[in-house]
Each structure stands twice: as C-alpha cells, then as structure tokens.
N, C-alpha and C. Protein backbone atom coordinates (compact mmCIF):
# COMPACT_ATOMS: atom_id res chain seq x y z
N MET A 1 37.11 11.50 14.50
CA MET A 1 36.83 10.56 15.57
C MET A 1 35.46 10.84 16.20
N LYS A 2 35.15 12.13 16.33
CA LYS A 2 33.90 12.52 16.96
C LYS A 2 32.70 11.96 16.20
N ASN A 3 32.70 12.11 14.88
CA ASN A 3 31.58 11.63 14.06
C ASN A 3 31.46 10.10 14.11
N LEU A 4 32.60 9.42 14.13
CA LEU A 4 32.59 7.96 14.22
C LEU A 4 31.96 7.52 15.54
N LEU A 5 32.30 8.19 16.62
CA LEU A 5 31.75 7.83 17.93
C LEU A 5 30.25 8.14 18.00
N ILE A 6 29.83 9.23 17.39
CA ILE A 6 28.41 9.58 17.39
C ILE A 6 27.61 8.52 16.62
N GLU A 7 28.11 8.10 15.46
CA GLU A 7 27.43 7.06 14.68
C GLU A 7 27.42 5.73 15.42
N THR A 8 28.50 5.40 16.08
CA THR A 8 28.57 4.17 16.87
C THR A 8 27.58 4.23 18.02
N ASP A 9 27.45 5.39 18.65
CA ASP A 9 26.49 5.55 19.74
C ASP A 9 25.05 5.36 19.26
N LYS A 10 24.74 5.87 18.07
CA LYS A 10 23.39 5.69 17.53
C LYS A 10 23.07 4.20 17.36
N TRP A 11 24.04 3.47 16.79
CA TRP A 11 23.85 2.04 16.61
C TRP A 11 23.72 1.34 17.95
N TYR A 12 24.57 1.72 18.91
CA TYR A 12 24.59 1.10 20.24
C TYR A 12 23.27 1.32 20.98
N ARG A 13 22.73 2.53 20.93
CA ARG A 13 21.46 2.81 21.59
C ARG A 13 20.30 2.04 20.93
N ARG A 14 20.34 1.95 19.61
CA ARG A 14 19.30 1.18 18.92
C ARG A 14 19.40 -0.29 19.29
N ARG A 15 20.61 -0.79 19.40
CA ARG A 15 20.82 -2.19 19.78
C ARG A 15 20.33 -2.45 21.20
N LEU A 16 20.58 -1.50 22.10
CA LEU A 16 20.09 -1.63 23.48
C LEU A 16 18.57 -1.66 23.51
N ARG A 17 17.94 -0.78 22.75
CA ARG A 17 16.47 -0.77 22.69
C ARG A 17 15.94 -2.08 22.13
N MET A 18 16.63 -2.63 21.14
CA MET A 18 16.22 -3.89 20.56
C MET A 18 16.31 -5.02 21.60
N VAL A 19 17.38 -5.05 22.36
CA VAL A 19 17.56 -6.09 23.37
C VAL A 19 16.49 -5.96 24.46
N ILE A 20 16.21 -4.72 24.88
CA ILE A 20 15.17 -4.50 25.89
C ILE A 20 13.82 -4.98 25.36
N TRP A 21 13.49 -4.62 24.12
CA TRP A 21 12.22 -5.03 23.52
C TRP A 21 12.14 -6.55 23.40
N LYS A 22 13.28 -7.17 23.09
CA LYS A 22 13.31 -8.62 22.95
C LYS A 22 13.13 -9.31 24.31
N GLN A 23 13.61 -8.68 25.37
CA GLN A 23 13.44 -9.26 26.70
C GLN A 23 11.99 -9.22 27.16
N TRP A 24 11.24 -8.25 26.68
CA TRP A 24 9.82 -8.16 27.01
C TRP A 24 9.05 -9.05 26.04
N LYS A 25 9.18 -10.34 26.13
CA LYS A 25 8.64 -11.28 25.15
C LYS A 25 7.13 -11.20 24.95
N LEU A 26 6.38 -11.22 26.04
CA LEU A 26 4.93 -11.31 25.95
C LEU A 26 4.29 -9.95 25.72
N ILE A 27 3.14 -9.96 25.06
CA ILE A 27 2.40 -8.72 24.80
C ILE A 27 2.01 -8.06 26.11
N LYS A 28 1.62 -8.86 27.08
CA LYS A 28 1.24 -8.33 28.39
C LYS A 28 2.41 -7.61 29.06
N THR A 29 3.59 -8.19 28.96
CA THR A 29 4.78 -7.57 29.55
C THR A 29 5.14 -6.28 28.83
N ARG A 30 5.06 -6.29 27.52
CA ARG A 30 5.36 -5.09 26.73
C ARG A 30 4.38 -3.97 27.07
N THR A 31 3.10 -4.32 27.12
CA THR A 31 2.07 -3.32 27.44
C THR A 31 2.32 -2.73 28.82
N HIS A 32 2.54 -3.58 29.80
CA HIS A 32 2.76 -3.14 31.18
C HIS A 32 3.98 -2.22 31.27
N ASN A 33 5.08 -2.60 30.64
CA ASN A 33 6.29 -1.79 30.71
C ASN A 33 6.16 -0.47 29.95
N LEU A 34 5.45 -0.47 28.84
CA LEU A 34 5.24 0.79 28.10
C LEU A 34 4.35 1.74 28.90
N ILE A 35 3.34 1.21 29.58
CA ILE A 35 2.51 2.05 30.44
C ILE A 35 3.34 2.62 31.57
N LYS A 36 4.21 1.78 32.13
CA LYS A 36 5.09 2.22 33.22
C LYS A 36 6.04 3.32 32.76
N LEU A 37 6.41 3.30 31.48
CA LEU A 37 7.31 4.31 30.94
C LEU A 37 6.59 5.58 30.48
N GLY A 38 5.26 5.62 30.63
CA GLY A 38 4.55 6.86 30.37
C GLY A 38 3.63 6.88 29.16
N LEU A 39 3.47 5.78 28.48
CA LEU A 39 2.58 5.73 27.32
C LEU A 39 1.16 5.45 27.81
N ASN A 40 0.17 6.01 27.12
CA ASN A 40 -1.21 5.73 27.56
C ASN A 40 -1.59 4.29 27.21
N ARG A 41 -2.63 3.80 27.85
CA ARG A 41 -2.99 2.38 27.79
C ARG A 41 -3.30 1.90 26.37
N LEU A 42 -4.05 2.68 25.62
CA LEU A 42 -4.43 2.28 24.27
C LEU A 42 -3.23 2.21 23.34
N GLN A 43 -2.40 3.26 23.36
CA GLN A 43 -1.21 3.26 22.52
C GLN A 43 -0.25 2.14 22.90
N ALA A 44 -0.09 1.90 24.19
CA ALA A 44 0.81 0.85 24.65
C ALA A 44 0.32 -0.51 24.16
N HIS A 45 -0.97 -0.75 24.24
CA HIS A 45 -1.51 -2.03 23.79
C HIS A 45 -1.37 -2.20 22.28
N MET A 46 -1.62 -1.12 21.54
CA MET A 46 -1.49 -1.19 20.08
C MET A 46 -0.04 -1.42 19.67
N PHE A 47 0.88 -0.73 20.32
CA PHE A 47 2.29 -0.85 19.96
C PHE A 47 2.87 -2.20 20.39
N ALA A 48 2.41 -2.73 21.50
CA ALA A 48 2.92 -4.01 22.01
C ALA A 48 2.55 -5.16 21.08
N ARG A 49 1.49 -4.99 20.31
CA ARG A 49 1.03 -6.05 19.42
C ARG A 49 1.64 -5.98 18.03
N THR A 50 2.65 -5.16 17.83
CA THR A 50 3.26 -5.02 16.51
C THR A 50 3.90 -6.34 16.06
N ARG A 51 3.88 -6.56 14.76
CA ARG A 51 4.48 -7.77 14.21
C ARG A 51 5.79 -7.46 13.50
N LYS A 52 6.24 -6.24 13.66
CA LYS A 52 7.51 -5.85 13.05
C LYS A 52 8.66 -6.54 13.77
N GLY A 53 9.79 -6.60 13.12
CA GLY A 53 10.96 -7.24 13.71
C GLY A 53 11.55 -6.39 14.83
N TYR A 54 12.41 -7.01 15.59
CA TYR A 54 13.00 -6.32 16.75
C TYR A 54 13.83 -5.11 16.32
N TRP A 55 14.63 -5.26 15.27
CA TRP A 55 15.50 -4.17 14.83
C TRP A 55 14.68 -2.99 14.32
N ARG A 56 13.63 -3.28 13.59
CA ARG A 56 12.78 -2.22 13.06
C ARG A 56 12.00 -1.52 14.16
N THR A 57 11.54 -2.28 15.14
CA THR A 57 10.80 -1.72 16.26
C THR A 57 11.69 -0.83 17.11
N ALA A 58 12.97 -1.17 17.20
CA ALA A 58 13.90 -0.37 18.00
C ALA A 58 14.06 1.04 17.46
N LYS A 59 13.81 1.24 16.17
CA LYS A 59 13.94 2.57 15.57
C LYS A 59 12.63 3.36 15.61
N SER A 60 11.57 2.76 16.07
CA SER A 60 10.27 3.43 16.06
C SER A 60 10.26 4.62 17.02
N PRO A 61 9.51 5.66 16.69
CA PRO A 61 9.46 6.86 17.55
C PRO A 61 8.92 6.57 18.95
N ILE A 62 7.99 5.64 19.05
CA ILE A 62 7.42 5.36 20.37
C ILE A 62 8.47 4.76 21.29
N LEU A 63 9.24 3.81 20.79
CA LEU A 63 10.27 3.19 21.63
C LEU A 63 11.41 4.17 21.91
N GLN A 64 11.70 5.06 20.96
CA GLN A 64 12.77 6.04 21.19
C GLN A 64 12.37 7.08 22.22
N THR A 65 11.09 7.38 22.34
CA THR A 65 10.68 8.36 23.34
C THR A 65 10.47 7.74 24.71
N THR A 66 10.00 6.48 24.73
CA THR A 66 9.81 5.84 26.04
C THR A 66 11.12 5.37 26.65
N ILE A 67 11.99 4.80 25.83
CA ILE A 67 13.32 4.41 26.30
C ILE A 67 14.29 5.43 25.71
N SER A 68 14.34 6.60 26.33
CA SER A 68 15.13 7.71 25.81
C SER A 68 16.62 7.53 26.14
N ASN A 69 17.42 8.40 25.55
CA ASN A 69 18.86 8.36 25.82
C ASN A 69 19.15 8.65 27.29
N GLU A 70 18.38 9.55 27.88
CA GLU A 70 18.57 9.89 29.29
C GLU A 70 18.24 8.70 30.19
N SER A 71 17.18 7.98 29.85
CA SER A 71 16.83 6.83 30.68
C SER A 71 17.87 5.71 30.55
N LEU A 72 18.48 5.59 29.38
CA LEU A 72 19.56 4.60 29.23
C LEU A 72 20.78 5.00 30.05
N GLN A 73 21.08 6.30 30.08
CA GLN A 73 22.20 6.77 30.90
C GLN A 73 21.92 6.58 32.38
N GLN A 74 20.69 6.82 32.79
CA GLN A 74 20.33 6.61 34.19
C GLN A 74 20.41 5.14 34.58
N ALA A 75 20.19 4.26 33.61
CA ALA A 75 20.28 2.82 33.86
C ALA A 75 21.73 2.37 33.99
N GLY A 76 22.67 3.25 33.64
CA GLY A 76 24.08 2.93 33.84
C GLY A 76 24.87 2.67 32.57
N TYR A 77 24.25 2.84 31.41
CA TYR A 77 24.97 2.63 30.16
C TYR A 77 25.83 3.85 29.85
N ILE A 78 27.08 3.60 29.47
CA ILE A 78 28.01 4.67 29.14
C ILE A 78 28.15 4.71 27.62
N PHE A 79 28.05 5.90 27.06
CA PHE A 79 28.17 6.04 25.61
C PHE A 79 29.56 6.53 25.25
N PHE A 80 30.02 6.12 24.07
CA PHE A 80 31.38 6.40 23.64
C PHE A 80 31.65 7.89 23.50
N SER A 81 30.73 8.62 22.88
CA SER A 81 30.96 10.05 22.65
C SER A 81 31.00 10.82 23.97
N THR A 82 30.17 10.44 24.93
CA THR A 82 30.18 11.09 26.24
C THR A 82 31.50 10.85 26.96
N TYR A 83 31.95 9.62 26.90
CA TYR A 83 33.23 9.28 27.53
C TYR A 83 34.38 10.00 26.83
N PHE A 84 34.33 10.07 25.51
CA PHE A 84 35.37 10.75 24.75
C PHE A 84 35.44 12.23 25.11
N ARG A 85 34.27 12.86 25.27
CA ARG A 85 34.27 14.27 25.66
C ARG A 85 34.81 14.48 27.06
N SER A 86 34.56 13.54 27.96
CA SER A 86 35.04 13.70 29.34
C SER A 86 36.54 13.46 29.44
N VAL A 87 37.09 12.60 28.60
CA VAL A 87 38.53 12.31 28.65
C VAL A 87 39.31 13.36 27.89
N ARG A 88 38.76 13.82 26.79
CA ARG A 88 39.46 14.79 25.95
C ARG A 88 39.25 16.18 26.52
N VAL A 89 40.24 16.66 27.21
CA VAL A 89 40.15 17.97 27.87
C VAL A 89 40.97 19.01 27.15
C-alpha cells in the first residue's frame, strides 16, 4: 500500500504543477511568478517561453524546484502517503 500511495503522490504533485503552469497562461505571468518563486530574471524568462507541453513542463527540474513539495503542502494540499502515515499508528 505504501508504494502505491507514493507513486500516486508523484503523479498527483506533477498534475498539480501542470495545472498551476496552465493557469499562468501568459509569458509575462509565468515570468513574474517564477521570479517571485526565487528564479533569476534571465532563467525565468527563458523557461517561461518554452514550447513544451504542460505535462512535460511539469516534470522539468526548474518547475519542481520552484513549486516544491513543501510549497504545495504549505498551500494546503494533502498527500496520500502523508495522511496514511498519520493515520497508521
């Protein structure tokens, strides 16, 4: 069960990153939000202009470091494996 929940969490976090990236439709919005998340201006502008698909971009190292697992948890998202560990005593 533990491994199934960990794999589901990986997919869930990638899906969340994809949805967030999709919500930032414009290049200007993507650049601004990436700078706000700690990326330098040049890298943010280069990455915001990518022509890759949403799903592929969600797996990129830049998006995984700027929208980290900790920041998703702080935003209020609950992950299955974390909940399973807290319930299973």
